[in-house]
């Protein structure tokens, strides 16, 4: 009896491991497809990664740090423009979705009233039912809103990354300055 349970458990474990492997493969493929094909602004994510890649050398000198700061500032300016546009697009799509949803809800309500009168039913459909119907009718606008939200989030994350890199470079510059002063002090004392 015990060996049967053990083999059943081993079978379940193998099945779970296979499912996890398949899930991991799916996730990897999904991520690769999203990165290479999902458009944000006028590029896909892969193109954005290439365009805004800031490489910080391990042995950066002050001149390189200043050049990198200029590069970060240029990228930040460009991404900020896209972020502002994405925020405007998101706000516009949100307003359009809300208006379309409200109109669709009102239309669903009127249709339900009309159907109720014609059929002699005692109750109208539940509010949740009308909401689901209205949401379905406004589905395309809702999809566009989700895309706008993704673009806004993407550009916000890029800006956060650029700001973090700017702070890293400033820290490197401070460290290099302290190191140079220490070396200079050591040379004077010798």
Foldseek 3Di string as FASTA:
>chain_A
DVVVVVVVVVVVVVVVVVVVVVVVVVVVVVVVCQQQPPDFDHHGNVVVCVQLPQDDDPPDDPVVLVVSLVSLVVNLVVLVVSLVVLVVQLVVLVVVLVVQLVVQLVVLQVVQVVVCVVVVDDDGDDSVVSSVRSCVRSVVSVVSNVSSVVNNVVSVVVNVVSVVVNVVSVVVNVVNVVVVVVVVVVVVVD
